[in-house]
Amino acid sequence: MLNRKQYSTSVDAFISKIAAIHPSINVDKEIDEIDSLNVPSVIYYLNSIEPEQANTKLKVNFSLLVINDSSDELGDLSALLVTKLHEEYFETQGLSEPVIINQAARYPLNSKNESLQAMIIDGEYLLIPYKEDLES
């Protein structure tokens, strides 16, 4: 299992590599804290150079990933990032198998019943935070 520093470095490198093949995307990042978890996290902003394209925010914290899709191009990139990050990082961290509920897959993170919810929305594969009990 990767530690937090190794994971952050790996994600940095991976996102840079993927973003490099999309020349109209800029990547900025900042350190922030995850709401209510009080844990430092890295937020990546994937910004399209096209002024009419809204921003996509990619938030990564060891095993937490948030992507907000707002355009076709950024949506495609986000879907690719989520899929690859899941394959290369979530699986290698040994996260539990997703629980499928109402066509959504929830990835348990810890004993506080916090999880990731993977949803298919307009053909895009998204991971979003989900903080309800998995059994509710």
C-alpha atoms as a PDB file:
ATOM      1  CA  MET A   1       0.000   0.000   0.000  1.00  0.00           C
ATOM      2  CA  LEU A   2       1.289   3.447  -0.884  1.00  0.00           C
ATOM      3  CA  ASN A   3       1.768   5.908   1.927  1.00  0.00           C
ATOM      4  CA  ARG A   4       0.285   9.401   1.632  1.00  0.00           C
ATOM      5  CA  LYS A   5       3.456  10.996   0.194  1.00  0.00           C
ATOM      6  CA  GLN A   6       4.027   8.219  -2.350  1.00  0.00           C
ATOM      7  CA  TYR A   7       0.374   8.327  -3.349  1.00  0.00           C
ATOM      8  CA  SER A   8       0.415  12.103  -3.791  1.00  0.00           C
ATOM      9  CA  THR A   9       3.582  11.945  -5.897  1.00  0.00           C
ATOM     10  CA  SER A  10       2.168   9.135  -8.018  1.00  0.00           C
ATOM     11  CA  VAL A  11      -1.091  10.978  -8.593  1.00  0.00           C
ATOM     12  CA  ASP A  12       0.800  14.178  -9.489  1.00  0.00           C
ATOM     13  CA  ALA A  13       2.831  12.321 -12.098  1.00  0.00           C
ATOM     14  CA  PHE A  14      -0.169  10.471 -13.460  1.00  0.00           C
ATOM     15  CA  ILE A  15      -2.363  13.561 -13.777  1.00  0.00           C
ATOM     16  CA  SER A  16       0.457  15.491 -15.449  1.00  0.00           C
ATOM     17  CA  LYS A  17       0.934  12.687 -17.962  1.00  0.00           C
ATOM     18  CA  ILE A  18      -2.761  12.457 -18.800  1.00  0.00           C
ATOM     19  CA  ALA A  19      -3.239  16.241 -18.936  1.00  0.00           C
ATOM     20  CA  ALA A  20      -0.242  16.549 -21.275  1.00  0.00           C
ATOM     21  CA  ILE A  21      -2.156  14.771 -24.031  1.00  0.00           C
ATOM     22  CA  HIS A  22      -4.973  17.313 -23.707  1.00  0.00           C
ATOM     23  CA  PRO A  23      -3.273  20.612 -24.691  1.00  0.00           C
ATOM     24  CA  SER A  24      -6.379  22.689 -23.994  1.00  0.00           C
ATOM     25  CA  ILE A  25      -6.396  21.672 -20.318  1.00  0.00           C
ATOM     26  CA  ASN A  26      -4.422  23.451 -17.602  1.00  0.00           C
ATOM     27  CA  VAL A  27      -3.844  21.763 -14.248  1.00  0.00           C
ATOM     28  CA  ASP A  28      -3.480  23.752 -11.035  1.00  0.00           C
ATOM     29  CA  LYS A  29      -3.462  22.344  -7.551  1.00  0.00           C
ATOM     30  CA  GLU A  30      -3.708  23.565  -3.989  1.00  0.00           C
ATOM     31  CA  ILE A  31      -3.672  22.072  -0.520  1.00  0.00           C
ATOM     32  CA  ASP A  32      -6.997  22.083   1.292  1.00  0.00           C
ATOM     33  CA  GLU A  33      -8.850  20.142   3.949  1.00  0.00           C
ATOM     34  CA  ILE A  34     -11.647  17.713   3.295  1.00  0.00           C
ATOM     35  CA  ASP A  35     -14.918  18.994   4.691  1.00  0.00           C
ATOM     36  CA  SER A  36     -15.586  17.596   8.177  1.00  0.00           C
ATOM     37  CA  LEU A  37     -12.663  15.171   7.996  1.00  0.00           C
ATOM     38  CA  ASN A  38     -10.023  17.761   8.962  1.00  0.00           C
ATOM     39  CA  VAL A  39      -7.432  15.980   6.836  1.00  0.00           C
ATOM     40  CA  PRO A  40      -5.128  17.769   4.384  1.00  0.00           C
ATOM     41  CA  SER A  41      -5.917  17.017   0.786  1.00  0.00           C
ATOM     42  CA  VAL A  42      -4.815  18.082  -2.655  1.00  0.00           C
ATOM     43  CA  ILE A  43      -7.354  19.691  -4.940  1.00  0.00           C
ATOM     44  CA  TYR A  44      -6.599  19.631  -8.649  1.00  0.00           C
ATOM     45  CA  TYR A  45      -8.361  22.119 -10.882  1.00  0.00           C
ATOM     46  CA  LEU A  46      -8.533  20.987 -14.478  1.00  0.00           C
ATOM     47  CA  ASN A  47      -9.230  24.184 -16.392  1.00  0.00           C
ATOM     48  CA  SER A  48     -10.129  24.320 -20.024  1.00  0.00           C
ATOM     49  CA  ILE A  49      -8.548  27.150 -22.016  1.00  0.00           C
ATOM     50  CA  GLU A  50     -11.864  27.479 -23.843  1.00  0.00           C
ATOM     51  CA  PRO A  51     -13.623  30.356 -21.999  1.00  0.00           C
ATOM     52  CA  GLU A  52     -17.068  28.798 -22.393  1.00  0.00           C
ATOM     53  CA  GLN A  53     -15.936  25.601 -20.687  1.00  0.00           C
ATOM     54  CA  ALA A  54     -16.453  25.543 -16.924  1.00  0.00           C
ATOM     55  CA  ASN A  55     -13.817  24.140 -14.588  1.00  0.00           C
ATOM     56  CA  THR A  56     -13.519  20.603 -13.348  1.00  0.00           C
ATOM     57  CA  LYS A  57     -12.330  20.114  -9.789  1.00  0.00           C
ATOM     58  CA  LEU A  58     -10.393  16.973  -8.918  1.00  0.00           C
ATOM     59  CA  LYS A  59      -9.885  16.446  -5.201  1.00  0.00           C
ATOM     60  CA  VAL A  60      -7.522  13.720  -4.040  1.00  0.00           C
ATOM     61  CA  ASN A  61      -6.829  12.576  -0.516  1.00  0.00           C
ATOM     62  CA  PHE A  62      -5.115   9.202  -0.292  1.00  0.00           C
ATOM     63  CA  SER A  63      -8.342   7.392  -1.047  1.00  0.00           C
ATOM     64  CA  LEU A  64     -10.776  10.187  -1.750  1.00  0.00           C
ATOM     65  CA  LEU A  65     -11.455  11.507  -5.214  1.00  0.00           C
ATOM     66  CA  VAL A  66     -14.002  14.121  -6.236  1.00  0.00           C
ATOM     67  CA  ILE A  67     -14.637  15.098  -9.812  1.00  0.00           C
ATOM     68  CA  ASN A  68     -17.223  17.621 -10.960  1.00  0.00           C
ATOM     69  CA  ASP A  69     -17.827  17.384 -14.694  1.00  0.00           C
ATOM     70  CA  SER A  70     -19.001  20.453 -16.513  1.00  0.00           C
ATOM     71  CA  SER A  71     -18.057  20.055 -20.172  1.00  0.00           C
ATOM     72  CA  ASP A  72     -17.688  17.298 -22.735  1.00  0.00           C
ATOM     73  CA  GLU A  73     -13.918  17.602 -23.051  1.00  0.00           C
ATOM     74  CA  LEU A  74     -13.310  17.877 -19.320  1.00  0.00           C
ATOM     75  CA  GLY A  75     -15.890  15.163 -18.749  1.00  0.00           C
ATOM     76  CA  ASP A  76     -14.003  12.785 -21.023  1.00  0.00           C
ATOM     77  CA  LEU A  77     -10.734  13.594 -19.264  1.00  0.00           C
ATOM     78  CA  SER A  78     -12.372  13.210 -15.854  1.00  0.00           C
ATOM     79  CA  ALA A  79     -13.814   9.836 -16.770  1.00  0.00           C
ATOM     80  CA  LEU A  80     -10.398   8.695 -17.971  1.00  0.00           C
ATOM     81  CA  LEU A  81      -8.716   9.944 -14.808  1.00  0.00           C
ATOM     82  CA  VAL A  82     -11.244   8.247 -12.554  1.00  0.00           C
ATOM     83  CA  THR A  83     -10.974   4.956 -14.386  1.00  0.00           C
ATOM     84  CA  LYS A  84      -7.177   4.959 -14.424  1.00  0.00           C
ATOM     85  CA  LEU A  85      -6.818   6.210 -10.864  1.00  0.00           C
ATOM     86  CA  HIS A  86      -9.185   3.496  -9.712  1.00  0.00           C
ATOM     87  CA  GLU A  87      -7.268   0.816 -11.597  1.00  0.00           C
ATOM     88  CA  GLU A  88      -3.813   1.998 -10.589  1.00  0.00           C
ATOM     89  CA  TYR A  89      -4.339   3.339  -7.075  1.00  0.00           C
ATOM     90  CA  PHE A  90      -7.638   2.349  -5.476  1.00  0.00           C
ATOM     91  CA  GLU A  91      -7.226  -1.320  -6.347  1.00  0.00           C
ATOM     92  CA  THR A  92      -3.585  -1.397  -5.238  1.00  0.00           C
ATOM     93  CA  GLN A  93      -4.631   0.066  -1.881  1.00  0.00           C
ATOM     94  CA  GLY A  94      -6.842  -2.947  -1.329  1.00  0.00           C
ATOM     95  CA  LEU A  95     -10.087  -1.019  -0.954  1.00  0.00           C
ATOM     96  CA  SER A  96     -13.123  -3.184  -0.379  1.00  0.00           C
ATOM     97  CA  GLU A  97     -15.144  -4.397  -3.315  1.00  0.00           C
ATOM     98  CA  PRO A  98     -17.803  -1.838  -4.188  1.00  0.00           C
ATOM     99  CA  VAL A  99     -21.297  -2.356  -2.833  1.00  0.00           C
ATOM    100  CA  ILE A 100     -23.818  -1.930  -5.635  1.00  0.00           C
ATOM    101  CA  ILE A 101     -26.896  -0.005  -4.487  1.00  0.00           C
ATOM    102  CA  ASN A 102     -29.392   1.588  -6.881  1.00  0.00           C
ATOM    103  CA  GLN A 103     -26.957   1.391  -9.808  1.00  0.00           C
ATOM    104  CA  ALA A 104     -24.271   3.111  -7.765  1.00  0.00           C
ATOM    105  CA  ALA A 105     -21.119   1.492  -6.444  1.00  0.00           C
ATOM    106  CA  ARG A 106     -19.991   2.632  -3.025  1.00  0.00           C
ATOM    107  CA  TYR A 107     -16.403   2.041  -2.013  1.00  0.00           C
ATOM    108  CA  PRO A 108     -16.124   1.786   1.795  1.00  0.00           C
ATOM    109  CA  LEU A 109     -13.298   3.944   3.164  1.00  0.00           C
ATOM    110  CA  ASN A 110     -13.414   3.562   6.920  1.00  0.00           C
ATOM    111  CA  SER A 111     -15.415   2.644  10.004  1.00  0.00           C
ATOM    112  CA  LYS A 112     -17.280   5.969   9.935  1.00  0.00           C
ATOM    113  CA  ASN A 113     -19.361   4.690   7.019  1.00  0.00           C
ATOM    114  CA  GLU A 114     -17.781   7.256   4.728  1.00  0.00           C
ATOM    115  CA  SER A 115     -17.418   5.935   1.248  1.00  0.00           C
ATOM    116  CA  LEU A 116     -17.015   6.778  -2.388  1.00  0.00           C
ATOM    117  CA  GLN A 117     -20.027   6.456  -4.619  1.00  0.00           C
ATOM    118  CA  ALA A 118     -19.378   5.660  -8.248  1.00  0.00           C
ATOM    119  CA  MET A 119     -22.205   6.697 -10.515  1.00  0.00           C
ATOM    120  CA  ILE A 120     -22.884   6.697 -14.203  1.00  0.00           C
ATOM    121  CA  ILE A 121     -24.254  10.138 -15.089  1.00  0.00           C
ATOM    122  CA  ASP A 122     -24.787  10.986 -18.753  1.00  0.00           C
ATOM    123  CA  GLY A 123     -22.291   8.326 -19.726  1.00  0.00           C
ATOM    124  CA  GLU A 124     -19.602   9.630 -17.377  1.00  0.00           C
ATOM    125  CA  TYR A 125     -18.129   7.510 -14.604  1.00  0.00           C
ATOM    126  CA  LEU A 126     -17.872   9.643 -11.468  1.00  0.00           C
ATOM    127  CA  LEU A 127     -16.673   9.078  -7.931  1.00  0.00           C
ATOM    128  CA  ILE A 128     -18.264  11.344  -5.341  1.00  0.00           C
ATOM    129  CA  PRO A 129     -18.146  11.372  -1.539  1.00  0.00           C
ATOM    130  CA  TYR A 130     -20.978   9.550   0.132  1.00  0.00           C
ATOM    131  CA  LYS A 131     -21.403   9.766   3.886  1.00  0.00           C
ATOM    132  CA  GLU A 132     -24.514   7.747   4.645  1.00  0.00           C
ATOM    133  CA  ASP A 133     -24.515   4.343   6.227  1.00  0.00           C
ATOM    134  CA  LEU A 134     -24.004   1.752   3.497  1.00  0.00           C
ATOM    135  CA  GLU A 135     -27.008  -0.187   4.769  1.00  0.00           C
ATOM    136  CA  SER A 136     -29.447   2.740   4.690  1.00  0.00           C
END
